[in-house]
Amino acid sequence: MSYSEDQQRLNLSAGLASVGVATTLVLLKLWALWATGALSIAASLADSSMDLLISLAGLGAIVYAARPADEDHAFGHTSVEDLTSLGQAVFVFGSGCAILWAAGHRLVTPAPHELAEEGAGIVVMSISAVVTLALVGWQARVARRTGNKVVAADMLHYVGDLMPTLGAILALILSAQFGWSRVDSVVAILAALIMLRGAAKIGVEGWHALMDRSAPHEVVEGIAEIAQIWPGVHGFHDLKTRTAGAKLFVQLHIELDPEQSLMAAHEIAASLKRAIIEAYPQADVIIHMDPWLRDKRR
């Protein structure tokens, strides 16, 4: 799918906004961690650090994946999104394990760790929540206008990040009001488990894409339904799909009346290709035309 300059500008603005917000949140939470010593903030800081790496990778992916196919990359450059996701998954998993170990150790310690400067921590984490909500709003708008899946995925990631942030605020409030400092460790453990789950999901998806796994079943079925009822197509076979980043690659053999002109056959194939791309805008479609053999079954 070719993007207009306006769409590319919007995608780039969303990527830059994501990097800017992530950098701001990392700096704020570093100060809040130093001031409070709260492990829930440490978990949120680790998550924001992961966000910064993911945002940088996403921005790079938006720029690099938008490059047209060239002599060395005949199918484009979108696989960079899947490659970077594996590195991100390793980082997220390591951070989650570190937070989980530290929080578990503090939770079983006989004397609970006393938090400090809860008010400052609450302010910082509240600012983080507001800034994150603003970023999600802008990313949602860009994703609706451009259909960019990188921006949409980054938006969903930040939506999920709100839970550790809100959890850290809750832990600080309970510590300040009731002295329940152990809640900090419980929230940190929950945040770490969320990070581990996210790492597994990111890693598996990146691995499947790099291994040329076919598109989701519903996508394959949708393409098959279009081809099956298309005027002039008497049958189809060898429907193959794979994904690379946000790109969907489709290969399809269709069976056409061998007695019609080449021009007519070409128009049927071209119109079918346009229909598939209209249904799946990120698709790169290759259609091979075979003669329809009335007396033979494939």
Protein backbone atom coordinates (compact mmCIF):
# COMPACT_ATOMS: atom_id res chain seq x y z
CA MET A 1 0.00 0.00 0.00
CA SER A 2 1.43 3.38 -1.01
CA TYR A 3 0.93 6.19 1.43
CA SER A 4 0.41 9.82 0.54
CA GLU A 5 2.75 12.45 1.93
CA ASP A 6 0.03 13.48 4.38
CA GLN A 7 -0.32 9.92 5.68
CA GLN A 8 3.42 9.54 6.04
CA ARG A 9 3.58 12.85 7.92
CA LEU A 10 0.87 11.71 10.33
CA ASN A 11 2.57 8.35 10.92
CA LEU A 12 5.88 10.10 11.53
CA SER A 13 4.25 12.56 13.95
CA ALA A 14 2.76 9.66 15.93
CA GLY A 15 6.17 7.96 16.08
CA LEU A 16 7.92 11.15 17.23
CA ALA A 17 5.22 11.82 19.82
CA SER A 18 5.64 8.30 21.17
CA VAL A 19 9.41 8.74 21.54
CA GLY A 20 8.97 12.16 23.16
CA VAL A 21 6.42 10.92 25.68
CA ALA A 22 8.44 7.81 26.54
CA THR A 23 11.57 9.90 27.14
CA THR A 24 9.67 12.32 29.37
CA LEU A 25 8.14 9.50 31.39
CA VAL A 26 11.49 7.76 31.90
CA LEU A 27 13.03 10.96 33.30
CA LEU A 28 10.04 11.67 35.56
CA LYS A 29 9.94 8.14 36.93
CA LEU A 30 13.69 8.04 37.50
CA TRP A 31 13.29 11.03 39.79
CA ALA A 32 10.19 9.55 41.45
CA LEU A 33 12.02 6.26 42.12
CA TRP A 34 14.96 8.12 43.64
CA ALA A 35 12.59 10.15 45.84
CA THR A 36 10.26 7.34 46.98
CA GLY A 37 12.09 4.03 46.63
CA ALA A 38 8.79 2.47 45.54
CA LEU A 39 9.18 -0.79 43.63
CA SER A 40 5.86 -0.20 41.89
CA ILE A 41 7.44 2.91 40.39
CA ALA A 42 10.50 0.82 39.51
CA ALA A 43 8.19 -1.55 37.64
CA SER A 44 6.55 1.38 35.88
CA LEU A 45 10.01 2.85 35.12
CA ALA A 46 11.16 -0.43 33.58
CA ASP A 47 7.96 -0.51 31.55
CA SER A 48 8.53 3.08 30.37
CA SER A 49 12.13 2.23 29.46
CA MET A 50 10.77 -0.65 27.40
CA ASP A 51 8.28 1.79 25.88
CA LEU A 52 11.13 4.09 24.86
CA LEU A 53 12.93 1.24 23.08
CA ILE A 54 9.72 0.10 21.45
CA SER A 55 8.88 3.66 20.43
CA LEU A 56 12.34 4.16 18.93
CA ALA A 57 12.04 0.85 17.10
CA GLY A 58 8.55 1.79 15.97
CA LEU A 59 9.73 5.15 14.67
CA GLY A 60 12.59 3.46 12.86
CA ALA A 61 10.19 0.87 11.48
CA ILE A 62 7.80 3.56 10.22
CA VAL A 63 10.65 5.29 8.39
CA TYR A 64 12.41 2.16 7.13
CA ALA A 65 9.33 0.09 6.28
CA ALA A 66 7.94 2.95 4.19
CA ARG A 67 10.91 2.69 1.83
CA PRO A 68 9.92 1.24 -1.53
CA ALA A 69 11.17 -2.13 -2.70
CA ASP A 70 14.62 -2.05 -4.24
CA GLU A 71 17.04 -4.40 -5.96
CA ASP A 72 18.16 -5.96 -2.68
CA HIS A 73 14.71 -6.04 -1.06
CA ALA A 74 12.27 -6.94 -3.80
CA PHE A 75 9.41 -7.45 -1.33
CA GLY A 76 10.02 -4.25 0.62
CA HIS A 77 11.48 -3.60 4.05
CA THR A 78 8.61 -4.38 6.42
CA SER A 79 10.30 -7.43 8.00
CA VAL A 80 12.34 -5.00 10.11
CA GLU A 81 9.29 -4.67 12.35
CA ASP A 82 9.35 -8.40 13.16
CA LEU A 83 13.12 -8.50 13.64
CA THR A 84 13.12 -5.68 16.19
CA SER A 85 10.20 -7.23 18.06
CA LEU A 86 12.36 -10.23 19.03
CA GLY A 87 14.96 -7.96 20.61
CA GLN A 88 12.24 -6.04 22.40
CA ALA A 89 10.76 -9.26 23.76
CA VAL A 90 14.11 -10.30 25.28
CA PHE A 91 14.48 -6.91 26.97
CA VAL A 92 10.93 -6.95 28.32
CA PHE A 93 11.31 -10.48 29.66
CA GLY A 94 14.57 -9.64 31.44
CA SER A 95 13.10 -6.50 33.00
CA GLY A 96 10.00 -8.38 34.14
CA CYS A 97 12.09 -11.11 35.79
CA ALA A 98 14.24 -8.53 37.62
CA ILE A 99 11.22 -6.67 38.97
CA LEU A 100 9.52 -9.94 39.94
CA TRP A 101 12.57 -11.10 41.90
CA ALA A 102 13.06 -7.76 43.68
CA ALA A 103 9.38 -7.41 44.56
CA GLY A 104 9.14 -10.99 45.82
CA HIS A 105 12.25 -10.53 47.96
CA ARG A 106 10.90 -7.34 49.51
CA LEU A 107 7.48 -8.90 50.06
CA VAL A 108 8.86 -11.75 52.19
CA THR A 109 11.24 -9.51 54.15
CA PRO A 110 10.09 -9.40 57.79
CA ALA A 111 10.38 -5.62 58.06
CA PRO A 112 8.50 -3.98 55.17
CA HIS A 113 10.33 -1.31 53.25
CA GLU A 114 9.00 2.12 54.14
CA LEU A 115 8.23 4.36 51.22
CA ALA A 116 9.12 8.04 51.21
CA GLU A 117 7.79 11.15 49.52
CA GLU A 118 4.58 9.42 48.49
CA GLY A 119 3.02 12.75 47.52
CA ALA A 120 5.76 13.52 45.01
CA GLY A 121 5.46 10.03 43.59
CA ILE A 122 1.70 10.38 43.23
CA VAL A 123 2.12 13.67 41.33
CA VAL A 124 4.70 12.18 38.96
CA MET A 125 2.67 9.06 38.26
CA SER A 126 -0.51 11.12 37.75
CA ILE A 127 1.32 13.26 35.19
CA SER A 128 2.47 10.03 33.53
CA ALA A 129 -1.11 8.78 33.29
CA VAL A 130 -2.38 12.05 31.77
CA VAL A 131 0.47 12.25 29.24
CA THR A 132 -0.06 8.62 28.25
CA LEU A 133 -3.78 9.20 27.72
CA ALA A 134 -3.02 12.20 25.49
CA LEU A 135 -0.58 10.13 23.41
CA VAL A 136 -3.10 7.30 23.04
CA GLY A 137 -5.70 9.79 21.81
CA TRP A 138 -3.38 11.14 19.11
CA GLN A 139 -2.24 7.67 18.04
CA ALA A 140 -5.86 6.53 17.76
CA ARG A 141 -6.62 9.48 15.48
CA VAL A 142 -3.59 8.80 13.28
CA ALA A 143 -4.35 5.07 13.08
CA ARG A 144 -7.91 5.79 11.96
CA ARG A 145 -6.77 8.17 9.22
CA THR A 146 -3.81 6.22 7.86
CA GLY A 147 -4.53 2.59 8.77
CA ASN A 148 -0.91 2.18 9.88
CA LYS A 149 -0.68 -1.00 11.95
CA VAL A 150 2.57 0.02 13.63
CA VAL A 151 0.89 3.09 15.08
CA ALA A 152 -2.19 1.06 16.05
CA ALA A 153 -0.08 -1.57 17.81
CA ASP A 154 1.93 1.09 19.66
CA MET A 155 -1.35 2.67 20.76
CA LEU A 156 -2.61 -0.63 22.18
CA HIS A 157 0.72 -1.08 23.97
CA TYR A 158 0.38 2.27 25.72
CA VAL A 159 -3.21 1.48 26.66
CA GLY A 160 -1.90 -1.61 28.44
CA ASP A 161 0.80 0.46 30.17
CA LEU A 162 -1.80 2.49 32.03
CA MET A 163 -2.38 -0.38 34.49
CA PRO A 164 1.12 -0.34 36.09
CA THR A 165 0.97 3.46 36.27
CA LEU A 166 -2.44 3.49 37.95
CA GLY A 167 -1.30 0.63 40.20
CA ALA A 168 1.72 2.63 41.34
CA ILE A 169 -0.55 5.57 42.19
CA LEU A 170 -2.77 3.26 44.25
CA ALA A 171 0.21 1.81 46.10
CA LEU A 172 1.53 5.25 47.01
CA ILE A 173 -1.89 6.47 48.18
CA LEU A 174 -2.41 3.42 50.42
CA SER A 175 1.10 3.78 51.80
CA ALA A 176 0.59 7.47 52.56
CA GLN A 177 -2.85 7.07 54.12
CA PHE A 178 -2.63 3.71 55.91
CA GLY A 179 1.04 2.75 55.92
CA TRP A 180 0.38 -0.28 53.71
CA SER A 181 3.81 -0.27 52.10
CA ARG A 182 3.62 -3.96 51.15
CA VAL A 183 0.99 -3.07 48.55
CA ASP A 184 3.88 -1.57 46.58
CA SER A 185 5.47 -5.02 46.17
CA VAL A 186 2.15 -6.66 45.25
CA VAL A 187 1.51 -4.06 42.54
CA ALA A 188 5.09 -4.50 41.27
CA ILE A 189 4.57 -8.27 41.00
CA LEU A 190 1.33 -7.80 39.04
CA ALA A 191 3.05 -5.31 36.72
CA ALA A 192 5.98 -7.71 36.20
CA LEU A 193 3.61 -10.55 35.29
CA ILE A 194 1.93 -8.27 32.74
CA MET A 195 5.36 -7.46 31.28
CA LEU A 196 6.26 -11.17 31.02
CA ARG A 197 2.97 -11.91 29.27
CA GLY A 198 3.55 -9.04 26.85
CA ALA A 199 7.11 -10.22 26.15
CA ALA A 200 5.87 -13.70 25.29
CA LYS A 201 3.21 -12.31 22.96
CA ILE A 202 5.63 -9.94 21.18
CA GLY A 203 8.28 -12.63 20.82
CA VAL A 204 5.92 -15.30 19.48
CA GLU A 205 4.38 -12.94 16.92
CA GLY A 206 7.80 -11.78 15.72
CA TRP A 207 9.07 -15.36 15.46
CA HIS A 208 6.03 -16.54 13.50
CA ALA A 209 6.36 -13.66 11.04
CA LEU A 210 10.06 -14.29 10.44
CA MET A 211 9.28 -17.98 9.90
CA ASP A 212 6.81 -17.04 7.13
CA ARG A 213 3.78 -18.30 9.00
CA SER A 214 0.56 -17.79 7.07
CA ALA A 215 -1.82 -14.97 7.84
CA PRO A 216 -4.57 -15.50 10.45
CA HIS A 217 -7.22 -18.04 9.46
CA GLU A 218 -9.94 -15.41 9.11
CA VAL A 219 -7.80 -13.44 6.65
CA VAL A 220 -7.10 -16.53 4.51
CA GLU A 221 -10.80 -17.43 4.56
CA GLY A 222 -11.74 -13.88 3.60
CA ILE A 223 -9.44 -13.94 0.56
CA ALA A 224 -10.77 -17.36 -0.44
CA GLU A 225 -14.37 -16.11 -0.25
CA ILE A 226 -13.56 -13.18 -2.55
CA ALA A 227 -11.85 -15.43 -5.12
CA GLN A 228 -14.56 -18.07 -4.97
CA ILE A 229 -17.38 -15.77 -6.07
CA TRP A 230 -15.42 -13.51 -8.42
CA PRO A 231 -16.97 -13.25 -11.91
CA GLY A 232 -15.01 -15.18 -14.51
CA VAL A 233 -13.07 -17.26 -11.98
CA HIS A 234 -14.01 -20.94 -12.35
CA GLY A 235 -11.82 -22.11 -9.50
CA PHE A 236 -8.65 -21.34 -7.56
CA HIS A 237 -5.86 -23.22 -5.82
CA ASP A 238 -2.46 -22.77 -4.15
CA LEU A 239 -3.59 -19.83 -2.01
CA LYS A 240 -0.53 -18.92 0.04
CA THR A 241 -0.05 -16.05 2.48
CA ARG A 242 2.63 -14.72 4.78
CA THR A 243 3.17 -11.55 6.78
CA ALA A 244 6.13 -9.22 7.23
CA GLY A 245 5.51 -6.49 9.74
CA ALA A 246 2.29 -4.80 8.74
CA LYS A 247 2.52 -6.18 5.20
CA LEU A 248 0.43 -9.11 3.94
CA PHE A 249 1.75 -11.10 0.99
CA VAL A 250 -0.72 -13.15 -1.05
CA GLN A 251 -0.10 -15.63 -3.87
CA LEU A 252 -3.05 -17.17 -5.67
CA HIS A 253 -3.64 -19.34 -8.74
CA ILE A 254 -6.99 -18.80 -10.48
CA GLU A 255 -8.57 -20.92 -13.21
CA LEU A 256 -9.96 -19.05 -16.23
CA ASP A 257 -11.68 -19.97 -19.48
CA PRO A 258 -8.82 -20.76 -21.90
CA GLU A 259 -10.92 -19.72 -24.91
CA GLN A 260 -11.26 -16.09 -23.87
CA SER A 261 -8.76 -13.45 -24.94
CA LEU A 262 -5.64 -12.70 -22.93
CA MET A 263 -6.94 -9.17 -22.40
CA ALA A 264 -10.18 -10.49 -20.87
CA ALA A 265 -8.28 -12.91 -18.64
CA HIS A 266 -5.94 -10.17 -17.53
CA GLU A 267 -8.85 -7.90 -16.62
CA ILE A 268 -10.44 -10.62 -14.47
CA ALA A 269 -7.18 -11.19 -12.60
CA ALA A 270 -6.54 -7.45 -12.21
CA SER A 271 -10.02 -6.76 -10.88
CA LEU A 272 -9.72 -9.63 -8.40
CA LYS A 273 -6.39 -8.26 -7.24
CA ARG A 274 -7.95 -4.82 -6.69
CA ALA A 275 -10.79 -6.39 -4.70
CA ILE A 276 -8.38 -8.24 -2.40
CA ILE A 277 -6.33 -5.08 -1.83
CA GLU A 278 -9.48 -3.11 -1.13
CA ALA A 279 -10.45 -5.65 1.54
CA TYR A 280 -6.89 -5.87 2.91
CA PRO A 281 -5.12 -2.55 2.12
CA GLN A 282 -1.70 -3.76 3.32
CA ALA A 283 -1.74 -6.71 0.90
CA ASP A 284 0.80 -7.32 -1.85
CA VAL A 285 -1.00 -9.68 -4.24
CA ILE A 286 0.43 -11.90 -6.98
CA ILE A 287 -2.11 -13.79 -9.12
CA HIS A 288 -1.17 -16.55 -11.55
CA MET A 289 -3.64 -17.45 -14.30
CA ASP A 290 -4.21 -21.12 -15.17
CA PRO A 291 -6.49 -22.57 -17.87
CA TRP A 292 -9.76 -23.98 -16.59
CA LEU A 293 -9.93 -27.68 -17.48
CA ARG A 294 -13.60 -28.61 -17.58
CA ASP A 295 -13.07 -32.36 -17.59
CA LYS A 296 -10.41 -32.52 -14.89
CA ARG A 297 -10.43 -31.89 -11.20
CA ARG A 298 -7.52 -30.28 -9.46
